[in-house]
Amino acid sequence: MEGLVSVNQESGSSVQMLLEKARNGDRLAFEQIVGHFEQSVMRTAAFLTQNWDDAQDVAQEVYVKIIQKAPAVRRWDNLQGWVYRVTVNVARDWRRKQRFWVPLKELTGWVAPSRQLESREVRGRLARALGTLSFKERAAFILRELQELPGAEVARILDCQPATVRGYLFSARQKLQRHFKDFREEK
């Protein structure tokens, strides 16, 4: 989009002004904010909801919440962490509203945020394996391993202690390893 300034280049007060403009109906400001967070919000929402259509709905709600709740943000230097927290909370609420989950077959060609997940088979296995984790385990794993956030940041996003995050990660890794045991032996 021509003329858009990256939110990364904005100072805290500039981001606040951008959010205020978006709240007042400035479409360009809203597009700047959405454009900046779109990839991380969609990737995280897709992993957590396990359905591309639901992830899109969650993402839309996240963008609206970003605009509405921005006045409550206390630390502008950690805006990305706050957005991850909003995404996790919206996805958790979305999941609670759902009676069942649709498999991740729509995501198997898309969910590769890191270089280790290059083959379609590995992505498909990961998508199925993530479906076996509890919501908290899946959220901790996605934020720490796939989004590569520090453990302390994951703890802030999930509103728990770092030791709890380590427990979720340990449990998630144990469960995921079972899904890849035969795959490791083949290689």
Protein backbone atom coordinates (compact mmCIF):
# COMPACT_ATOMS: atom_id res chain seq x y z
CA MET A 1 0.00 0.00 0.00
CA GLU A 2 1.48 3.22 -1.11
CA GLY A 3 2.11 5.84 1.53
CA LEU A 4 1.84 3.51 4.52
CA VAL A 5 4.44 3.78 7.25
CA SER A 6 5.33 0.60 9.09
CA VAL A 7 4.10 0.46 12.67
CA ASN A 8 7.64 -0.71 13.52
CA GLN A 9 8.94 2.68 12.42
CA GLU A 10 6.48 4.53 14.60
CA SER A 11 7.26 5.74 18.10
CA GLY A 12 4.91 4.83 20.95
CA SER A 13 3.09 8.15 20.71
CA SER A 14 2.80 7.79 16.92
CA VAL A 15 1.31 4.33 17.34
CA GLN A 16 -1.12 5.75 19.86
CA MET A 17 -2.11 8.44 17.36
CA LEU A 18 -2.49 5.82 14.63
CA LEU A 19 -4.75 3.75 16.88
CA GLU A 20 -6.78 6.84 17.80
CA LYS A 21 -7.23 7.66 14.11
CA ALA A 22 -8.36 4.10 13.45
CA ARG A 23 -10.86 4.30 16.34
CA ASN A 24 -12.24 7.47 14.76
CA GLY A 25 -12.83 5.70 11.45
CA ASP A 26 -9.59 6.40 9.56
CA ARG A 27 -9.46 3.43 7.20
CA LEU A 28 -5.82 4.01 6.24
CA ALA A 29 -4.72 3.92 9.89
CA PHE A 30 -6.71 0.73 10.46
CA GLU A 31 -5.12 -0.87 7.37
CA GLN A 32 -1.66 0.06 8.66
CA ILE A 33 -2.32 -1.60 11.99
CA VAL A 34 -3.87 -4.72 10.43
CA GLY A 35 -1.09 -4.95 7.85
CA HIS A 36 1.58 -4.87 10.53
CA PHE A 37 0.06 -7.61 12.69
CA GLU A 38 -1.69 -9.70 10.03
CA GLN A 39 0.90 -12.44 9.57
CA SER A 40 1.51 -13.14 13.26
CA VAL A 41 -2.19 -12.88 14.18
CA MET A 42 -3.31 -15.17 11.34
CA ARG A 43 -0.60 -17.77 11.96
CA THR A 44 -1.31 -17.89 15.68
CA ALA A 45 -5.10 -17.93 15.21
CA ALA A 46 -4.84 -20.69 12.60
CA PHE A 47 -2.82 -22.93 14.90
CA LEU A 48 -5.10 -22.29 17.86
CA THR A 49 -8.45 -22.67 16.10
CA GLN A 50 -7.31 -25.48 13.81
CA ASN A 51 -9.52 -24.16 11.02
CA TRP A 52 -8.69 -21.52 8.42
CA ASP A 53 -12.19 -19.99 8.33
CA ASP A 54 -12.33 -19.77 12.11
CA ALA A 55 -8.84 -18.26 12.15
CA GLN A 56 -10.00 -15.52 9.81
CA ASP A 57 -12.98 -14.78 12.05
CA VAL A 58 -10.72 -14.74 15.12
CA ALA A 59 -8.28 -12.42 13.36
CA GLN A 60 -11.04 -9.98 12.49
CA GLU A 61 -12.13 -9.90 16.11
CA VAL A 62 -8.51 -9.41 17.19
CA TYR A 63 -8.11 -6.38 14.92
CA VAL A 64 -11.28 -4.82 16.32
CA LYS A 65 -10.11 -5.49 19.89
CA ILE A 66 -6.72 -3.96 19.12
CA ILE A 67 -8.43 -0.74 18.11
CA GLN A 68 -10.96 -0.79 20.97
CA LYS A 69 -8.62 -1.82 23.79
CA ALA A 70 -5.52 0.15 22.78
CA PRO A 71 -6.22 2.95 25.30
CA ALA A 72 -5.67 0.39 28.08
CA VAL A 73 -2.18 -0.53 26.82
CA ARG A 74 0.35 0.53 29.43
CA ARG A 75 3.60 -0.53 27.74
CA TRP A 76 3.86 0.55 24.11
CA ASP A 77 7.31 -1.01 23.85
CA ASN A 78 5.65 -4.44 24.08
CA LEU A 79 2.79 -3.92 21.66
CA GLN A 80 3.54 -7.16 19.78
CA GLY A 81 3.32 -9.19 23.01
CA TRP A 82 0.02 -7.53 23.84
CA VAL A 83 -1.33 -8.40 20.39
CA TYR A 84 -0.30 -12.06 20.87
CA ARG A 85 -2.12 -12.05 24.21
CA VAL A 86 -5.27 -10.61 22.62
CA THR A 87 -5.03 -13.25 19.86
CA VAL A 88 -4.68 -16.12 22.33
CA ASN A 89 -7.59 -14.83 24.43
CA VAL A 90 -9.88 -14.35 21.43
CA ALA A 91 -8.98 -17.80 20.08
CA ARG A 92 -9.64 -19.37 23.49
CA ASP A 93 -13.03 -17.66 23.69
CA TRP A 94 -13.78 -18.71 20.12
CA ARG A 95 -12.95 -22.33 20.94
CA ARG A 96 -15.22 -22.28 23.96
CA LYS A 97 -18.09 -21.25 21.71
CA GLN A 98 -17.48 -24.12 19.28
CA ARG A 99 -19.07 -27.53 19.76
CA PHE A 100 -16.53 -29.37 17.63
CA TRP A 101 -13.28 -28.77 15.79
CA VAL A 102 -12.71 -29.25 12.09
CA PRO A 103 -9.39 -30.92 11.16
CA LEU A 104 -6.51 -28.80 9.98
CA LYS A 105 -6.53 -30.12 6.41
CA GLU A 106 -6.87 -26.56 5.07
CA LEU A 107 -3.69 -25.54 6.88
CA THR A 108 -1.32 -28.33 5.90
CA GLY A 109 0.06 -26.32 3.01
CA TRP A 110 0.25 -23.01 4.89
CA VAL A 111 1.40 -23.49 8.48
CA ALA A 112 5.17 -23.45 7.97
CA PRO A 113 6.46 -20.45 9.93
CA SER A 114 9.97 -21.86 10.40
CA ARG A 115 12.51 -23.47 8.11
CA GLN A 116 12.38 -26.83 9.91
CA LEU A 117 8.85 -27.41 8.61
CA GLU A 118 9.58 -27.52 4.90
CA SER A 119 8.00 -30.77 3.82
CA ARG A 120 4.27 -31.14 3.36
CA GLU A 121 4.31 -34.42 5.29
CA VAL A 122 5.91 -32.82 8.34
CA ARG A 123 3.46 -29.91 8.25
CA GLY A 124 0.52 -32.31 7.98
CA ARG A 125 1.78 -34.40 10.85
CA LEU A 126 2.38 -31.32 12.95
CA ALA A 127 -1.12 -30.03 12.24
CA ARG A 128 -2.66 -33.35 13.31
CA ALA A 129 -0.39 -33.64 16.35
CA LEU A 130 -1.19 -30.10 17.52
CA GLY A 131 -4.83 -31.12 17.54
CA THR A 132 -4.08 -33.62 20.31
CA LEU A 133 -2.70 -30.98 22.67
CA SER A 134 -4.70 -29.06 25.24
CA PHE A 135 -5.34 -25.42 24.39
CA LYS A 136 -2.70 -24.16 26.85
CA GLU A 137 -0.09 -26.67 25.61
CA ARG A 138 -0.79 -25.74 22.01
CA ALA A 139 -0.69 -22.00 22.73
CA ALA A 140 2.61 -22.29 24.65
CA PHE A 141 4.16 -24.44 21.90
CA ILE A 142 3.03 -22.18 19.08
CA LEU A 143 4.15 -18.97 20.78
CA ARG A 144 7.50 -20.34 21.98
CA GLU A 145 8.58 -22.71 19.23
CA LEU A 146 6.83 -21.50 16.09
CA GLN A 147 6.57 -17.78 16.80
CA GLU A 148 9.94 -17.91 18.61
CA LEU A 149 8.91 -15.70 21.53
CA PRO A 150 10.96 -15.82 24.75
CA GLY A 151 9.51 -17.98 27.53
CA ALA A 152 8.92 -14.97 29.79
CA GLU A 153 6.90 -13.29 27.03
CA VAL A 154 4.83 -16.46 26.54
CA ALA A 155 4.13 -16.48 30.29
CA ARG A 156 2.92 -12.87 30.13
CA ILE A 157 0.70 -13.63 27.12
CA LEU A 158 -0.81 -16.73 28.74
CA ASP A 159 -1.03 -14.96 32.11
CA CYS A 160 0.88 -17.62 34.03
CA GLN A 161 4.27 -18.23 35.60
CA PRO A 162 7.31 -19.09 33.42
CA ALA A 163 7.51 -22.44 35.21
CA THR A 164 3.96 -23.19 34.10
CA VAL A 165 4.92 -22.38 30.50
CA ARG A 166 7.88 -24.76 30.81
CA GLY A 167 5.47 -27.43 32.04
CA TYR A 168 3.13 -26.85 29.09
CA LEU A 169 6.08 -27.00 26.70
CA PHE A 170 7.44 -30.17 28.25
CA SER A 171 4.06 -31.86 28.02
CA ALA A 172 3.51 -30.61 24.45
CA ARG A 173 6.93 -31.81 23.30
CA GLN A 174 6.39 -35.24 24.88
CA LYS A 175 3.05 -35.64 23.10
CA LEU A 176 4.39 -34.31 19.81
CA GLN A 177 7.41 -36.62 19.92
CA ARG A 178 5.06 -39.60 20.00
CA HIS A 179 3.56 -38.43 16.72
CA PHE A 180 6.98 -38.17 15.09
CA LYS A 181 8.64 -41.27 16.55
CA ASP A 182 8.33 -43.40 13.39
CA PHE A 183 9.19 -40.39 11.24
CA ARG A 184 12.52 -39.92 13.05
CA GLU A 185 13.33 -43.61 12.70
CA GLU A 186 12.71 -43.48 8.92
CA LYS A 187 15.15 -40.61 8.40
